[in-house]
Amino acid sequence: MFDYTGWIVQANAGRDKGGIFLVVGVDQKRVRLLLADGKRRKIGRPKAKKLGHVWSLAPDPQQSGPREQLMFDHPVVRSLQEGEPVSDRALRRALAAFKEGSTLG
């Protein structure tokens, strides 16, 4: 499975449908993404969600192609991708910055 750490996704199924999350990792079986938003879902206890139940809003910065304009470059995202610890507060600020800079409908 591809490493989705650092992607910003929107849940399209379940109780948290419509919520914006940051992918903070992948579960041990590499079947589900671990999502956190820093408020309802903290970094220490992320939500496990199948890949098919989320929409990608900002793909991996290394990915090239027509979706390149959707990239979101933020220090928190880079820290997650490098495996450094991130606080819930920093995560909330990164998601707020993403929401300000995008139109989610």
C-alpha atoms as a PDB file:
ATOM      1  CA  MET A   1       0.000   0.000   0.000  1.00  0.00           C
ATOM      2  CA  PHE A   2       1.170   3.480  -0.824  1.00  0.00           C
ATOM      3  CA  ASP A   3       2.130   5.770   2.066  1.00  0.00           C
ATOM      4  CA  TYR A   4      -0.688   8.314   2.404  1.00  0.00           C
ATOM      5  CA  THR A   5       0.787  10.044   5.470  1.00  0.00           C
ATOM      6  CA  GLY A   6       0.327  13.809   5.209  1.00  0.00           C
ATOM      7  CA  TRP A   7      -2.635  13.728   2.846  1.00  0.00           C
ATOM      8  CA  ILE A   8      -5.669  15.842   3.646  1.00  0.00           C
ATOM      9  CA  VAL A   9      -8.885  13.899   3.131  1.00  0.00           C
ATOM     10  CA  GLN A  10     -12.617  14.336   3.547  1.00  0.00           C
ATOM     11  CA  ALA A  11     -14.681  11.486   5.006  1.00  0.00           C
ATOM     12  CA  ASN A  12     -17.449  10.403   2.660  1.00  0.00           C
ATOM     13  CA  ALA A  13     -18.973   7.675   4.833  1.00  0.00           C
ATOM     14  CA  GLY A  14     -19.889   7.090   8.436  1.00  0.00           C
ATOM     15  CA  ARG A  15     -20.630   9.316  11.390  1.00  0.00           C
ATOM     16  CA  ASP A  16     -17.870  11.764  10.468  1.00  0.00           C
ATOM     17  CA  LYS A  17     -19.053  12.189   6.852  1.00  0.00           C
ATOM     18  CA  GLY A  18     -17.982  15.558   5.486  1.00  0.00           C
ATOM     19  CA  GLY A  19     -15.228  16.019   8.072  1.00  0.00           C
ATOM     20  CA  ILE A  20     -11.756  17.134   7.016  1.00  0.00           C
ATOM     21  CA  PHE A  21      -8.868  15.064   8.398  1.00  0.00           C
ATOM     22  CA  LEU A  22      -5.135  14.663   8.030  1.00  0.00           C
ATOM     23  CA  VAL A  23      -3.764  11.171   7.444  1.00  0.00           C
ATOM     24  CA  VAL A  24      -1.297  10.530  10.278  1.00  0.00           C
ATOM     25  CA  GLY A  25      -0.438   6.950   9.343  1.00  0.00           C
ATOM     26  CA  VAL A  26      -1.618   3.537   8.225  1.00  0.00           C
ATOM     27  CA  ASP A  27      -2.743   0.673  10.493  1.00  0.00           C
ATOM     28  CA  GLN A  28      -0.567  -2.397  11.067  1.00  0.00           C
ATOM     29  CA  LYS A  29      -2.369  -4.494   8.468  1.00  0.00           C
ATOM     30  CA  ARG A  30      -1.972  -1.602   5.988  1.00  0.00           C
ATOM     31  CA  VAL A  31      -5.686  -1.739   5.147  1.00  0.00           C
ATOM     32  CA  ARG A  32      -6.948   1.443   6.813  1.00  0.00           C
ATOM     33  CA  LEU A  33      -5.796   5.022   7.045  1.00  0.00           C
ATOM     34  CA  LEU A  34      -5.369   6.625  10.471  1.00  0.00           C
ATOM     35  CA  LEU A  35      -7.079  10.027  10.497  1.00  0.00           C
ATOM     36  CA  ALA A  36      -6.897  12.884  12.988  1.00  0.00           C
ATOM     37  CA  ASP A  37      -8.240  16.428  13.100  1.00  0.00           C
ATOM     38  CA  GLY A  38      -6.767  17.539  16.426  1.00  0.00           C
ATOM     39  CA  LYS A  39     -10.154  18.193  18.005  1.00  0.00           C
ATOM     40  CA  ARG A  40     -12.589  15.277  17.897  1.00  0.00           C
ATOM     41  CA  ARG A  41      -9.901  12.844  16.779  1.00  0.00           C
ATOM     42  CA  LYS A  42      -6.580  13.471  18.481  1.00  0.00           C
ATOM     43  CA  ILE A  43      -3.175  12.359  17.210  1.00  0.00           C
ATOM     44  CA  GLY A  44      -2.892   9.888  20.095  1.00  0.00           C
ATOM     45  CA  ARG A  45      -6.130   8.144  19.148  1.00  0.00           C
ATOM     46  CA  PRO A  46      -6.719   8.494  15.399  1.00  0.00           C
ATOM     47  CA  LYS A  47      -9.757   7.207  13.514  1.00  0.00           C
ATOM     48  CA  ALA A  48      -9.140   4.155  11.322  1.00  0.00           C
ATOM     49  CA  LYS A  49     -10.982   4.420   8.015  1.00  0.00           C
ATOM     50  CA  LYS A  50     -10.796   2.416   4.802  1.00  0.00           C
ATOM     51  CA  LEU A  51      -9.304   4.146   1.796  1.00  0.00           C
ATOM     52  CA  GLY A  52     -12.573   3.866  -0.116  1.00  0.00           C
ATOM     53  CA  HIS A  53     -14.403   5.864   2.563  1.00  0.00           C
ATOM     54  CA  VAL A  54     -12.408   9.075   2.080  1.00  0.00           C
ATOM     55  CA  TRP A  55     -11.833  11.596  -0.707  1.00  0.00           C
ATOM     56  CA  SER A  56      -8.366  12.979  -1.219  1.00  0.00           C
ATOM     57  CA  LEU A  57      -8.326  16.783  -1.081  1.00  0.00           C
ATOM     58  CA  ALA A  58      -4.571  17.342  -1.247  1.00  0.00           C
ATOM     59  CA  PRO A  59      -2.419  14.490  -2.583  1.00  0.00           C
ATOM     60  CA  ASP A  60       1.205  13.715  -1.813  1.00  0.00           C
ATOM     61  CA  PRO A  61       3.646  16.497  -2.846  1.00  0.00           C
ATOM     62  CA  GLN A  62       5.862  13.995  -4.713  1.00  0.00           C
ATOM     63  CA  GLN A  63       2.968  13.071  -7.002  1.00  0.00           C
ATOM     64  CA  SER A  64       3.050  14.905 -10.301  1.00  0.00           C
ATOM     65  CA  GLY A  65       0.450  15.336 -12.984  1.00  0.00           C
ATOM     66  CA  PRO A  66      -2.820  17.222 -13.429  1.00  0.00           C
ATOM     67  CA  ARG A  67      -3.699  17.033  -9.710  1.00  0.00           C
ATOM     68  CA  GLU A  68      -0.537  18.946  -8.821  1.00  0.00           C
ATOM     69  CA  GLN A  69      -2.504  22.110  -8.040  1.00  0.00           C
ATOM     70  CA  LEU A  70      -4.192  20.321  -5.112  1.00  0.00           C
ATOM     71  CA  MET A  71      -0.942  20.016  -3.126  1.00  0.00           C
ATOM     72  CA  PHE A  72      -0.844  21.504   0.338  1.00  0.00           C
ATOM     73  CA  ASP A  73       2.614  22.337   1.607  1.00  0.00           C
ATOM     74  CA  HIS A  74       2.681  23.015   5.345  1.00  0.00           C
ATOM     75  CA  PRO A  75       5.337  22.391   8.047  1.00  0.00           C
ATOM     76  CA  VAL A  76       2.984  20.007   9.894  1.00  0.00           C
ATOM     77  CA  VAL A  77       2.500  17.893   6.774  1.00  0.00           C
ATOM     78  CA  ARG A  78       6.260  17.746   6.205  1.00  0.00           C
ATOM     79  CA  SER A  79       6.825  16.785   9.856  1.00  0.00           C
ATOM     80  CA  LEU A  80       4.324  13.921   9.596  1.00  0.00           C
ATOM     81  CA  GLN A  81       5.931  12.651   6.415  1.00  0.00           C
ATOM     82  CA  GLU A  82       9.348  12.701   8.073  1.00  0.00           C
ATOM     83  CA  GLY A  83       8.019  10.802  11.098  1.00  0.00           C
ATOM     84  CA  GLU A  84       8.407  13.663  13.569  1.00  0.00           C
ATOM     85  CA  PRO A  85       5.841  14.125  16.376  1.00  0.00           C
ATOM     86  CA  VAL A  86       3.089  16.686  15.817  1.00  0.00           C
ATOM     87  CA  SER A  87       0.813  18.275  18.409  1.00  0.00           C
ATOM     88  CA  ASP A  88      -2.973  18.423  18.153  1.00  0.00           C
ATOM     89  CA  ARG A  89      -2.785  22.209  18.196  1.00  0.00           C
ATOM     90  CA  ALA A  90      -0.414  22.275  15.221  1.00  0.00           C
ATOM     91  CA  LEU A  91      -2.670  19.829  13.397  1.00  0.00           C
ATOM     92  CA  ARG A  92      -5.737  22.040  13.959  1.00  0.00           C
ATOM     93  CA  ARG A  93      -3.821  25.062  12.676  1.00  0.00           C
ATOM     94  CA  ALA A  94      -2.697  23.219   9.553  1.00  0.00           C
ATOM     95  CA  LEU A  95      -6.253  22.114   8.768  1.00  0.00           C
ATOM     96  CA  ALA A  96      -7.537  25.655   9.387  1.00  0.00           C
ATOM     97  CA  ALA A  97      -4.933  27.017   6.981  1.00  0.00           C
ATOM     98  CA  PHE A  98      -5.990  24.436   4.397  1.00  0.00           C
ATOM     99  CA  LYS A  99      -9.672  25.337   4.782  1.00  0.00           C
ATOM    100  CA  GLU A 100      -8.904  29.049   4.382  1.00  0.00           C
ATOM    101  CA  GLY A 101      -6.966  28.458   1.196  1.00  0.00           C
ATOM    102  CA  SER A 102      -9.438  26.132  -0.509  1.00  0.00           C
ATOM    103  CA  THR A 103     -13.055  26.149  -1.518  1.00  0.00           C
ATOM    104  CA  LEU A 104     -14.734  22.978  -0.316  1.00  0.00           C
ATOM    105  CA  GLY A 105     -18.163  23.839  -1.632  1.00  0.00           C
END
